[in-house]
Protein backbone atom coordinates (compact mmCIF):
# COMPACT_ATOMS: atom_id res chain seq x y z
CA UNK A 1 -6.10 -48.07 -14.96
CA UNK A 2 -7.65 -45.30 -12.95
CA UNK A 3 -6.92 -41.82 -14.26
CA UNK A 4 -8.63 -40.15 -11.33
CA UNK A 5 -6.91 -37.03 -10.07
CA UNK A 6 -8.04 -35.22 -6.96
CA UNK A 7 -7.93 -31.61 -5.84
CA UNK A 8 -4.87 -30.74 -3.79
CA UNK A 9 -6.06 -30.27 -0.20
CA UNK A 10 -3.07 -31.77 1.61
CA UNK A 11 -2.38 -28.63 3.66
CA UNK A 12 -5.94 -27.34 3.92
CA UNK A 13 -6.44 -28.19 7.60
CA UNK A 14 -4.29 -26.99 10.52
CA UNK A 15 -1.52 -29.44 11.40
CA UNK A 16 0.09 -29.71 14.83
CA UNK A 17 3.35 -30.61 13.11
CA UNK A 18 4.02 -30.03 9.43
CA UNK A 19 6.04 -32.96 8.09
CA UNK A 20 8.74 -32.61 5.45
CA UNK A 21 7.29 -32.65 1.96
CA UNK A 22 7.61 -35.96 0.10
CA UNK A 23 6.26 -37.38 -3.14
CA UNK A 24 4.10 -40.03 -1.49
CA UNK A 25 0.76 -41.57 -2.48
CA UNK A 26 -1.18 -38.52 -1.29
CA UNK A 27 0.83 -36.25 -3.56
CA UNK A 28 0.53 -38.65 -6.50
CA UNK A 29 -3.26 -38.66 -6.16
CA UNK A 30 -3.53 -34.88 -6.51
CA UNK A 31 -0.31 -34.10 -8.41
CA UNK A 32 -1.86 -32.85 -11.68
CA UNK A 33 -4.00 -30.37 -9.75
CA UNK A 34 -1.09 -29.42 -7.47
CA UNK A 35 1.30 -28.72 -10.33
CA UNK A 36 -1.32 -26.79 -12.32
CA UNK A 37 -2.12 -24.48 -9.41
CA UNK A 38 1.40 -24.23 -7.95
CA UNK A 39 3.89 -23.92 -10.81
CA UNK A 40 3.52 -20.87 -13.06
CA UNK A 41 4.18 -21.67 -16.70
CA UNK A 42 4.37 -25.45 -16.28
CA UNK A 43 2.15 -26.09 -19.29
CA UNK A 44 4.16 -23.74 -21.49
CA UNK A 45 7.41 -25.45 -20.51
CA UNK A 46 5.98 -28.86 -21.37
CA UNK A 47 4.68 -27.56 -24.66
CA UNK A 48 8.14 -26.38 -25.69
CA UNK A 49 9.85 -29.75 -25.11
CA UNK A 50 8.71 -31.17 -28.43
CA UNK A 51 9.64 -27.98 -30.27
CA UNK A 52 13.13 -28.00 -28.76
CA UNK A 53 13.48 -31.70 -29.59
CA UNK A 54 12.48 -31.09 -33.21
CA UNK A 55 15.26 -28.55 -33.58
CA UNK A 56 18.04 -30.20 -31.61
CA UNK A 57 17.40 -33.93 -31.15
CA UNK A 58 19.03 -36.47 -33.44
CA UNK A 59 16.33 -38.69 -34.92
CA UNK A 60 15.84 -41.80 -32.81
CA UNK A 61 18.00 -40.60 -29.91
CA UNK A 62 17.24 -41.23 -26.25
CA UNK A 63 15.55 -38.59 -24.12
CA UNK A 64 15.93 -38.75 -20.35
CA UNK A 65 13.23 -37.13 -18.21
CA UNK A 66 14.76 -36.97 -14.74
CA UNK A 67 12.32 -36.60 -11.88
CA UNK A 68 9.60 -37.44 -14.40
CA UNK A 69 6.78 -37.61 -11.81
CA UNK A 70 3.68 -38.83 -13.69
CA UNK A 71 5.35 -38.73 -17.11
CA UNK A 72 3.99 -35.40 -18.32
CA UNK A 73 7.23 -34.72 -20.20
CA UNK A 74 6.89 -38.00 -22.05
CA UNK A 75 3.28 -37.26 -22.93
CA UNK A 76 4.27 -33.84 -24.25
CA UNK A 77 7.02 -35.29 -26.44
CA UNK A 78 4.83 -38.13 -27.75
CA UNK A 79 2.14 -35.62 -28.63
CA UNK A 80 4.50 -33.75 -30.96
CA UNK A 81 6.98 -36.38 -32.21
CA UNK A 82 6.52 -39.57 -34.21
CA UNK A 83 7.10 -42.94 -32.51
CA UNK A 84 10.45 -43.42 -34.26
CA UNK A 85 11.73 -39.92 -33.43
CA UNK A 86 12.97 -40.69 -29.91
CA UNK A 87 13.27 -43.23 -27.10
CA UNK A 88 12.00 -42.00 -23.75
CA UNK A 89 13.38 -42.96 -20.35
CA UNK A 90 11.64 -41.40 -17.38
CA UNK A 91 13.35 -41.66 -13.99
CA UNK A 92 11.85 -40.98 -10.59
CA UNK A 93 12.76 -41.82 -7.01
CA UNK A 94 9.14 -42.21 -5.89
CA UNK A 95 7.72 -45.73 -6.40
CA UNK A 96 4.19 -44.31 -6.43
CA UNK A 97 5.08 -41.84 -9.18
CA UNK A 98 6.82 -44.54 -11.24
CA UNK A 99 3.86 -46.92 -11.05
CA UNK A 100 1.35 -44.26 -12.12
CA UNK A 101 3.63 -42.94 -14.89
CA UNK A 102 4.07 -46.42 -16.37
CA UNK A 103 0.31 -46.92 -16.49
CA UNK A 104 -0.30 -43.52 -18.04
CA UNK A 105 2.35 -43.77 -20.76
CA UNK A 106 1.40 -47.33 -21.67
CA UNK A 107 -2.21 -46.26 -22.11
CA UNK A 108 -1.62 -42.92 -23.84
CA UNK A 109 1.49 -43.66 -25.96
CA UNK A 110 1.33 -47.36 -26.90
CA UNK A 111 3.26 -46.88 -30.16
CA UNK A 112 6.17 -44.93 -28.65
CA UNK A 113 9.26 -46.44 -27.02
CA UNK A 114 8.59 -45.32 -23.45
CA UNK A 115 10.04 -46.69 -20.22
CA UNK A 116 9.94 -45.40 -16.64
CA UNK A 117 12.43 -46.62 -14.07
CA UNK A 118 12.80 -46.08 -10.36
CA UNK A 119 16.20 -44.64 -9.56
CA UNK A 120 18.35 -41.91 -8.08
CA UNK A 121 19.60 -39.52 -10.75
CA UNK A 122 22.80 -39.02 -8.75
CA UNK A 123 23.89 -42.63 -9.23
CA UNK A 124 22.04 -43.73 -12.37
CA UNK A 125 24.09 -45.48 -15.07
CA UNK A 126 23.26 -43.25 -18.03
CA UNK A 127 23.19 -44.40 -21.65
CA UNK A 128 24.14 -41.88 -24.35
CA UNK A 129 21.32 -39.38 -24.80
CA UNK A 130 20.42 -36.66 -27.24
CA UNK A 131 18.27 -34.68 -24.80
CA UNK A 132 17.93 -34.57 -21.03
CA UNK A 133 15.03 -32.88 -19.23
CA UNK A 134 15.27 -31.79 -15.59
CA UNK A 135 11.90 -30.22 -14.82
CA UNK A 136 11.87 -28.94 -11.22
CA UNK A 137 14.06 -31.78 -9.99
CA UNK A 138 17.52 -30.40 -9.25
CA UNK A 139 16.04 -28.08 -6.62
CA UNK A 140 15.14 -31.10 -4.46
CA UNK A 141 18.71 -32.42 -4.35
CA UNK A 142 21.12 -31.25 -1.63
CA UNK A 143 23.02 -28.24 -3.02
CA UNK A 144 26.33 -30.08 -2.50
CA UNK A 145 25.21 -32.80 -4.96
CA UNK A 146 24.11 -30.57 -7.83
CA UNK A 147 27.44 -29.84 -9.48
CA UNK A 148 28.28 -33.56 -9.78
CA UNK A 149 24.84 -34.34 -11.24
CA UNK A 150 25.15 -31.69 -13.95
CA UNK A 151 28.67 -32.93 -14.76
CA UNK A 152 27.36 -36.49 -15.16
CA UNK A 153 24.56 -35.31 -17.43
CA UNK A 154 27.03 -33.42 -19.60
CA UNK A 155 29.04 -36.62 -20.03
CA UNK A 156 25.88 -38.60 -20.87
CA UNK A 157 24.83 -36.23 -23.65
CA UNK A 158 25.89 -36.99 -27.20
CA UNK A 159 27.77 -34.29 -29.15
CA UNK A 160 25.19 -31.68 -30.03
CA UNK A 161 22.95 -32.81 -27.17
CA UNK A 162 20.72 -30.43 -25.26
CA UNK A 163 19.74 -30.12 -21.58
CA UNK A 164 16.48 -28.47 -20.50
CA UNK A 165 16.62 -27.37 -16.86
CA UNK A 166 13.53 -25.91 -15.19
CA UNK A 167 13.72 -24.67 -11.60
CA UNK A 168 12.24 -22.47 -8.97
CA UNK A 169 14.85 -19.72 -8.59
CA UNK A 170 15.69 -16.90 -6.22
CA UNK A 171 16.72 -13.41 -7.20
CA UNK A 172 20.12 -12.17 -6.09
CA UNK A 173 18.61 -8.90 -4.85
CA UNK A 174 16.71 -9.60 -1.64
CA UNK A 175 14.10 -6.91 -2.27
CA UNK A 176 13.40 -8.27 -5.75
CA UNK A 177 13.27 -11.80 -4.39
CA UNK A 178 10.77 -10.82 -1.69
CA UNK A 179 8.55 -9.17 -4.31
CA UNK A 180 8.66 -12.28 -6.52
CA UNK A 181 7.78 -14.55 -3.58
CA UNK A 182 4.89 -12.30 -2.57
CA UNK A 183 3.52 -12.27 -6.13
CA UNK A 184 3.92 -16.06 -6.29
CA UNK A 185 1.79 -16.35 -3.17
CA UNK A 186 -0.77 -14.08 -4.87
CA UNK A 187 -0.67 -16.47 -7.85
CA UNK A 188 -1.46 -19.40 -5.54
CA UNK A 189 -4.26 -17.47 -3.82
CA UNK A 190 -5.75 -16.70 -7.24
CA UNK A 191 -5.69 -20.46 -7.91
CA UNK A 192 -7.69 -21.25 -4.80
CA UNK A 193 -5.06 -21.89 -2.12
CA UNK A 194 -5.70 -20.40 1.32
CA UNK A 195 -3.13 -18.56 3.42
CA UNK A 196 -3.05 -21.61 5.72
CA UNK A 197 -2.22 -23.93 2.80
CA UNK A 198 0.46 -21.57 1.49
CA UNK A 199 2.06 -21.23 4.92
CA UNK A 200 2.01 -24.93 5.79
CA UNK A 201 3.36 -26.03 2.42
CA UNK A 202 6.14 -23.46 2.68
CA UNK A 203 7.08 -24.97 6.05
CA UNK A 204 6.97 -28.50 4.61
CA UNK A 205 9.31 -27.49 1.77
CA UNK A 206 11.83 -25.69 4.00
CA UNK A 207 15.26 -27.29 3.52
CA UNK A 208 13.65 -29.74 1.05
CA UNK A 209 13.39 -27.38 -1.92
CA UNK A 210 16.42 -25.07 -1.91
CA UNK A 211 16.46 -22.74 -4.95
CA UNK A 212 19.55 -21.33 -6.67
CA UNK A 213 19.94 -18.05 -8.54
CA UNK A 214 19.90 -18.06 -12.33
CA UNK A 215 23.54 -16.95 -12.26
CA UNK A 216 24.45 -20.00 -10.15
CA UNK A 217 22.68 -22.30 -12.62
CA UNK A 218 24.46 -20.82 -15.62
CA UNK A 219 27.83 -20.95 -13.83
CA UNK A 220 27.28 -24.61 -12.92
CA UNK A 221 26.38 -25.47 -16.51
CA UNK A 222 29.46 -23.69 -17.82
CA UNK A 223 31.63 -25.41 -15.23
CA UNK A 224 30.36 -28.81 -16.39
CA UNK A 225 31.43 -28.03 -19.95
CA UNK A 226 28.27 -26.74 -21.63
CA UNK A 227 29.34 -24.32 -24.33
CA UNK A 228 26.30 -22.09 -23.99
CA UNK A 229 23.14 -21.79 -21.91
CA UNK A 230 20.14 -19.50 -22.13
CA UNK A 231 17.25 -18.62 -19.87
CA UNK A 232 14.45 -19.05 -22.38
CA UNK A 233 11.48 -18.78 -19.98
CA UNK A 234 10.70 -17.07 -16.69
CA UNK A 235 7.40 -16.52 -14.90
CA UNK A 236 7.88 -14.89 -11.47
CA UNK A 237 10.44 -17.05 -9.61
CA UNK A 238 10.13 -20.05 -11.94
CA UNK A 239 12.46 -20.36 -14.90
CA UNK A 240 13.64 -22.75 -17.59
CA UNK A 241 17.11 -22.88 -19.14
CA UNK A 242 18.46 -24.67 -22.18
CA UNK A 243 22.14 -25.70 -22.41
CA UNK A 244 24.05 -26.96 -25.44
CA UNK A 245 26.95 -29.37 -25.35
CA UNK A 246 28.66 -28.11 -28.48
CA UNK A 247 29.71 -24.54 -29.28
CA UNK A 248 28.35 -24.78 -32.82
CA UNK A 249 24.90 -26.01 -31.82
CA UNK A 250 22.84 -26.61 -34.92
CA UNK A 251 19.18 -27.34 -35.44
CA UNK A 252 18.73 -31.04 -36.11
CA UNK A 253 16.62 -30.64 -39.23
CA UNK A 254 16.39 -26.91 -39.77
CA UNK A 255 17.42 -25.33 -43.07
CA UNK A 256 20.20 -22.77 -43.12
CA UNK A 257 18.92 -19.27 -42.33
CA UNK A 258 18.17 -17.08 -45.33
CA UNK A 259 20.00 -13.84 -45.87
CA UNK A 260 17.56 -10.96 -45.64
């Protein structure tokens, strides 16, 4: 297996016509570098997955990682949980991503129950799951499809199950949103992207990545039946939410809180 990853330079030269963004072989080749330099807080979000699972995942339950890309969510979970603690199913629509993720997880997590399948999360036949991760995936679905997807994930979760939803978001106030977008572009410049790259990628993502507001996400989760949801992380216009299926959500193995 080759673990080579290349620097993201897809939009570094002027293009006569900027094509719609897709997760093709070029993106797979540079994806680790792209995600590191383009998504604020991505590492912190991954690092929390195992901690959330320790508190809320029934021992041995299935974890779905939807839009798993190269399997980083699976690697994060395997790094913090024992092989018998969970069963991992990564799902991605990109054949190139699936092939690379399978190689990576087989090499890095040989003792864990890890599978990666090619599929559309809108039509997938879900098995009961204790935890579902949607890291920057819902934003790539047509807005009209998102409510039905969240409803299906609610039904797939076991009682007490937890959903982690990470997304690029937009602020409801246009002035605040413009400030966040400008600071995000500063973040990308600080990570080595040129103004040309920022502009061309923004064009490629237009009508491909359509962000919602945090309020819209929470309303959609509540409408699907989730008893409670929290925004637990936000860095500029990138955020992560956690939603609980049951009203009395309890830590899986945590002791009762002490009275102070």
